[in-house]
């Protein structure tokens, strides 16, 4: 089973400041989006308690 994955995330206008720098808090948001997309690839994995 291949555990690698890639997720393309579109940078939104509100994610950057006037200088075009990405807001530090958005990195965590992007990681969260990647985590959700990763686990959606493997529906056979059940993490319910």
PDB file of N, CA and C in Angstrom:
ATOM      1  N   UNK A   1       0.836  -1.169   0.000  1.00  0.00           N
ATOM      2  CA  UNK A   1       0.000   0.000   0.000  1.00  0.00           C
ATOM      3  C   UNK A   1       0.891   1.245   0.000  1.00  0.00           C
ATOM      4  N   UNK A   2       0.590   2.190  -0.856  1.00  0.00           N
ATOM      5  CA  UNK A   2       1.345   3.434  -0.943  1.00  0.00           C
ATOM      6  C   UNK A   2       0.740   4.458   0.014  1.00  0.00           C
ATOM      7  N   UNK A   3       1.525   4.900   0.984  1.00  0.00           N
ATOM      8  CA  UNK A   3       1.030   5.832   2.000  1.00  0.00           C
ATOM      9  C   UNK A   3       1.310   7.288   1.637  1.00  0.00           C
ATOM     10  N   UNK A   4       1.962   7.529   0.506  1.00  0.00           N
ATOM     11  CA  UNK A   4       2.263   8.898   0.089  1.00  0.00           C
ATOM     12  C   UNK A   4       1.045   9.526  -0.559  1.00  0.00           C
ATOM     13  N   UNK A   5       0.926  10.819  -0.405  1.00  0.00           N
ATOM     14  CA  UNK A   5      -0.178  11.541  -1.031  1.00  0.00           C
ATOM     15  C   UNK A   5       0.231  12.980  -1.295  1.00  0.00           C
ATOM     16  N   UNK A   6      -0.447  13.601  -2.228  1.00  0.00           N
ATOM     17  CA  UNK A   6      -0.246  15.019  -2.516  1.00  0.00           C
ATOM     18  C   UNK A   6      -1.607  15.680  -2.571  1.00  0.00           C
ATOM     19  N   UNK A   7      -1.669  16.875  -2.028  1.00  0.00           N
ATOM     20  CA  UNK A   7      -2.909  17.643  -2.036  1.00  0.00           C
ATOM     21  C   UNK A   7      -2.585  19.029  -2.574  1.00  0.00           C
ATOM     22  N   UNK A   8      -3.299  19.439  -3.597  1.00  0.00           N
ATOM     23  CA  UNK A   8      -3.115  20.793  -4.119  1.00  0.00           C
ATOM     24  C   UNK A   8      -4.075  21.708  -3.366  1.00  0.00           C
ATOM     25  N   UNK A   9      -3.505  22.738  -2.773  1.00  0.00           N
ATOM     26  CA  UNK A   9      -4.297  23.687  -1.998  1.00  0.00           C
ATOM     27  C   UNK A   9      -4.185  25.051  -2.663  1.00  0.00           C
ATOM     28  N   UNK A  10      -5.321  25.635  -2.944  1.00  0.00           N
ATOM     29  CA  UNK A  10      -5.348  26.940  -3.574  1.00  0.00           C
ATOM     30  C   UNK A  10      -5.187  28.016  -2.497  1.00  0.00           C
ATOM     31  N   UNK A  11      -4.192  28.870  -2.671  1.00  0.00           N
ATOM     32  CA  UNK A  11      -3.972  29.963  -1.730  1.00  0.00           C
ATOM     33  C   UNK A  11      -5.032  31.028  -1.992  1.00  0.00           C
ATOM     34  N   UNK A  12      -5.758  31.368  -0.945  1.00  0.00           N
ATOM     35  CA  UNK A  12      -6.837  32.343  -1.073  1.00  0.00           C
ATOM     36  C   UNK A  12      -6.299  33.762  -0.870  1.00  0.00           C
ATOM     37  N   UNK A  13      -7.037  34.717  -1.361  1.00  0.00           N
ATOM     38  CA  UNK A  13      -6.644  36.120  -1.223  1.00  0.00           C
ATOM     39  C   UNK A  13      -6.479  36.499   0.244  1.00  0.00           C
ATOM     40  N   UNK A  14      -7.367  36.020   1.089  1.00  0.00           N
ATOM     41  CA  UNK A  14      -7.340  36.356   2.518  1.00  0.00           C
ATOM     42  C   UNK A  14      -6.181  35.684   3.258  1.00  0.00           C
ATOM     43  N   UNK A  15      -5.495  34.743   2.628  1.00  0.00           N
ATOM     44  CA  UNK A  15      -4.393  34.024   3.277  1.00  0.00           C
ATOM     45  C   UNK A  15      -3.086  34.811   3.270  1.00  0.00           C
ATOM     46  N   UNK A  16      -3.000  35.828   2.456  1.00  0.00           N
ATOM     47  CA  UNK A  16      -1.749  36.576   2.322  1.00  0.00           C
ATOM     48  C   UNK A  16      -1.958  38.042   2.705  1.00  0.00           C
ATOM     49  N   UNK A  17      -0.848  38.685   3.106  1.00  0.00           N
ATOM     50  CA  UNK A  17      -0.926  40.104   3.444  1.00  0.00           C
ATOM     51  C   UNK A  17      -0.653  40.946   2.196  1.00  0.00           C
ATOM     52  N   UNK A  18      -0.562  42.247   2.383  1.00  0.00           N
ATOM     53  CA  UNK A  18      -0.377  43.160   1.252  1.00  0.00           C
ATOM     54  C   UNK A  18       0.975  42.968   0.551  1.00  0.00           C
ATOM     55  N   UNK A  19       1.940  42.363   1.250  1.00  0.00           N
ATOM     56  CA  UNK A  19       3.252  42.107   0.655  1.00  0.00           C
ATOM     57  C   UNK A  19       3.310  40.744  -0.035  1.00  0.00           C
ATOM     58  N   UNK A  20       2.211  39.994   0.025  1.00  0.00           N
ATOM     59  CA  UNK A  20       2.175  38.685  -0.605  1.00  0.00           C
ATOM     60  C   UNK A  20       2.713  37.563   0.259  1.00  0.00           C
ATOM     61  N   UNK A  21       2.906  37.842   1.556  1.00  0.00           N
ATOM     62  CA  UNK A  21       3.410  36.822   2.480  1.00  0.00           C
ATOM     63  C   UNK A  21       2.249  36.038   3.074  1.00  0.00           C
ATOM     64  N   UNK A  22       2.426  34.750   3.147  1.00  0.00           N
ATOM     65  CA  UNK A  22       1.397  33.885   3.712  1.00  0.00           C
ATOM     66  C   UNK A  22       1.337  34.066   5.223  1.00  0.00           C
ATOM     67  N   UNK A  23       0.134  34.211   5.747  1.00  0.00           N
ATOM     68  CA  UNK A  23      -0.064  34.339   7.190  1.00  0.00           C
ATOM     69  C   UNK A  23       0.383  33.049   7.870  1.00  0.00           C
ATOM     70  N   UNK A  24       1.126  33.162   8.973  1.00  0.00           N
ATOM     71  CA  UNK A  24       1.666  31.993   9.672  1.00  0.00           C
ATOM     72  C   UNK A  24       0.585  31.011  10.103  1.00  0.00           C
ATOM     73  N   UNK A  25      -0.566  31.501  10.494  1.00  0.00           N
ATOM     74  CA  UNK A  25      -1.642  30.630  10.971  1.00  0.00           C
ATOM     75  C   UNK A  25      -2.200  29.756   9.848  1.00  0.00           C
ATOM     76  N   UNK A  26      -2.016  30.152   8.616  1.00  0.00           N
ATOM     77  CA  UNK A  26      -2.571  29.391   7.494  1.00  0.00           C
ATOM     78  C   UNK A  26      -1.832  28.083   7.253  1.00  0.00           C
ATOM     79  N   UNK A  27      -0.581  27.982   7.684  1.00  0.00           N
ATOM     80  CA  UNK A  27       0.148  26.723   7.530  1.00  0.00           C
ATOM     81  C   UNK A  27      -0.575  25.595   8.263  1.00  0.00           C
ATOM     82  N   UNK A  28      -1.072  25.888   9.445  1.00  0.00           N
ATOM     83  CA  UNK A  28      -1.800  24.879  10.216  1.00  0.00           C
ATOM     84  C   UNK A  28      -3.093  24.507   9.501  1.00  0.00           C
ATOM     85  N   UNK A  29      -3.771  25.488   8.924  1.00  0.00           N
ATOM     86  CA  UNK A  29      -4.994  25.221   8.166  1.00  0.00           C
ATOM     87  C   UNK A  29      -4.696  24.318   6.977  1.00  0.00           C
ATOM     88  N   UNK A  30      -3.603  24.576   6.288  1.00  0.00           N
ATOM     89  CA  UNK A  30      -3.224  23.752   5.140  1.00  0.00           C
ATOM     90  C   UNK A  30      -2.873  22.331   5.570  1.00  0.00           C
ATOM     91  N   UNK A  31      -2.189  22.194   6.694  1.00  0.00           N
ATOM     92  CA  UNK A  31      -1.883  20.857   7.216  1.00  0.00           C
ATOM     93  C   UNK A  31      -3.163  20.099   7.546  1.00  0.00           C
ATOM     94  N   UNK A  32      -4.126  20.796   8.113  1.00  0.00           N
ATOM     95  CA  UNK A  32      -5.402  20.167   8.446  1.00  0.00           C
ATOM     96  C   UNK A  32      -6.128  19.711   7.181  1.00  0.00           C
ATOM     97  N   UNK A  33      -6.125  20.533   6.150  1.00  0.00           N
ATOM     98  CA  UNK A  33      -6.747  20.149   4.882  1.00  0.00           C
ATOM     99  C   UNK A  33      -6.058  18.925   4.295  1.00  0.00           C
ATOM    100  N   UNK A  34      -4.743  18.886   4.388  1.00  0.00           N
ATOM    101  CA  UNK A  34      -3.994  17.735   3.888  1.00  0.00           C
ATOM    102  C   UNK A  34      -4.291  16.470   4.671  1.00  0.00           C
ATOM    103  N   UNK A  35      -4.415  16.603   5.984  1.00  0.00           N
ATOM    104  CA  UNK A  35      -4.715  15.441   6.832  1.00  0.00           C
ATOM    105  C   UNK A  35      -6.078  14.853   6.483  1.00  0.00           C
ATOM    106  N   UNK A  36      -7.067  15.704   6.313  1.00  0.00           N
ATOM    107  CA  UNK A  36      -8.412  15.233   5.961  1.00  0.00           C
ATOM    108  C   UNK A  36      -8.387  14.550   4.599  1.00  0.00           C
ATOM    109  N   UNK A  37      -7.732  15.166   3.618  1.00  0.00           N
ATOM    110  CA  UNK A  37      -7.650  14.573   2.279  1.00  0.00           C
ATOM    111  C   UNK A  37      -6.913  13.244   2.311  1.00  0.00           C
ATOM    112  N   UNK A  38      -5.880  13.153   3.147  1.00  0.00           N
ATOM    113  CA  UNK A  38      -5.110  11.916   3.261  1.00  0.00           C
ATOM    114  C   UNK A  38      -5.991  10.773   3.747  1.00  0.00           C
ATOM    115  N   UNK A  39      -6.721  10.998   4.808  1.00  0.00           N
ATOM    116  CA  UNK A  39      -7.534   9.922   5.365  1.00  0.00           C
ATOM    117  C   UNK A  39      -8.754   9.606   4.506  1.00  0.00           C
ATOM    118  N   UNK A  40      -9.189  10.540   3.683  1.00  0.00           N
ATOM    119  CA  UNK A  40     -10.275  10.253   2.748  1.00  0.00           C
ATOM    120  C   UNK A  40      -9.820   9.291   1.659  1.00  0.00           C
ATOM    121  N   UNK A  41      -8.521   9.215   1.412  1.00  0.00           N
ATOM    122  CA  UNK A  41      -7.983   8.282   0.419  1.00  0.00           C
ATOM    123  C   UNK A  41      -8.070   6.838   0.891  1.00  0.00           C
ATOM    124  N   UNK A  42      -8.172   6.627   2.189  1.00  0.00           N
ATOM    125  CA  UNK A  42      -8.155   5.288   2.761  1.00  0.00           C
ATOM    126  C   UNK A  42      -9.412   5.045   3.589  1.00  0.00           C
ATOM    127  N   UNK A  43     -10.557   4.893   2.930  1.00  0.00           N
ATOM    128  CA  UNK A  43     -11.807   4.709   3.685  1.00  0.00           C
ATOM    129  C   UNK A  43     -11.832   3.409   4.488  1.00  0.00           C
ATOM    130  N   UNK A  44     -10.967   2.456   4.137  1.00  0.00           N
ATOM    131  CA  UNK A  44     -10.949   1.187   4.873  1.00  0.00           C
ATOM    132  C   UNK A  44     -10.336   1.340   6.268  1.00  0.00           C
ATOM    133  N   UNK A  45      -9.622   2.442   6.493  1.00  0.00           N
ATOM    134  CA  UNK A  45      -9.071   2.709   7.821  1.00  0.00           C
ATOM    135  C   UNK A  45     -10.161   3.332   8.682  1.00  0.00           C
ATOM    136  N   UNK A  46     -10.435   2.712   9.799  1.00  0.00           N
ATOM    137  CA  UNK A  46     -11.499   3.191  10.678  1.00  0.00           C
ATOM    138  C   UNK A  46     -10.879   3.672  11.983  1.00  0.00           C
ATOM    139  N   UNK A  47     -11.034   4.957  12.264  1.00  0.00           N
ATOM    140  CA  UNK A  47     -10.442   5.537  13.464  1.00  0.00           C
ATOM    141  C   UNK A  47     -11.484   5.878  14.519  1.00  0.00           C
ATOM    142  N   UNK A  48     -12.663   5.320  14.395  1.00  0.00           N
ATOM    143  CA  UNK A  48     -13.690   5.577  15.402  1.00  0.00           C
ATOM    144  C   UNK A  48     -13.382   4.783  16.657  1.00  0.00           C
ATOM    145  N   UNK A  49     -13.809   5.312  17.756  1.00  0.00           N
ATOM    146  CA  UNK A  49     -13.547   4.664  19.046  1.00  0.00           C
ATOM    147  C   UNK A  49     -14.725   3.806  19.424  1.00  0.00           C
TER     148      UNK A  49
END
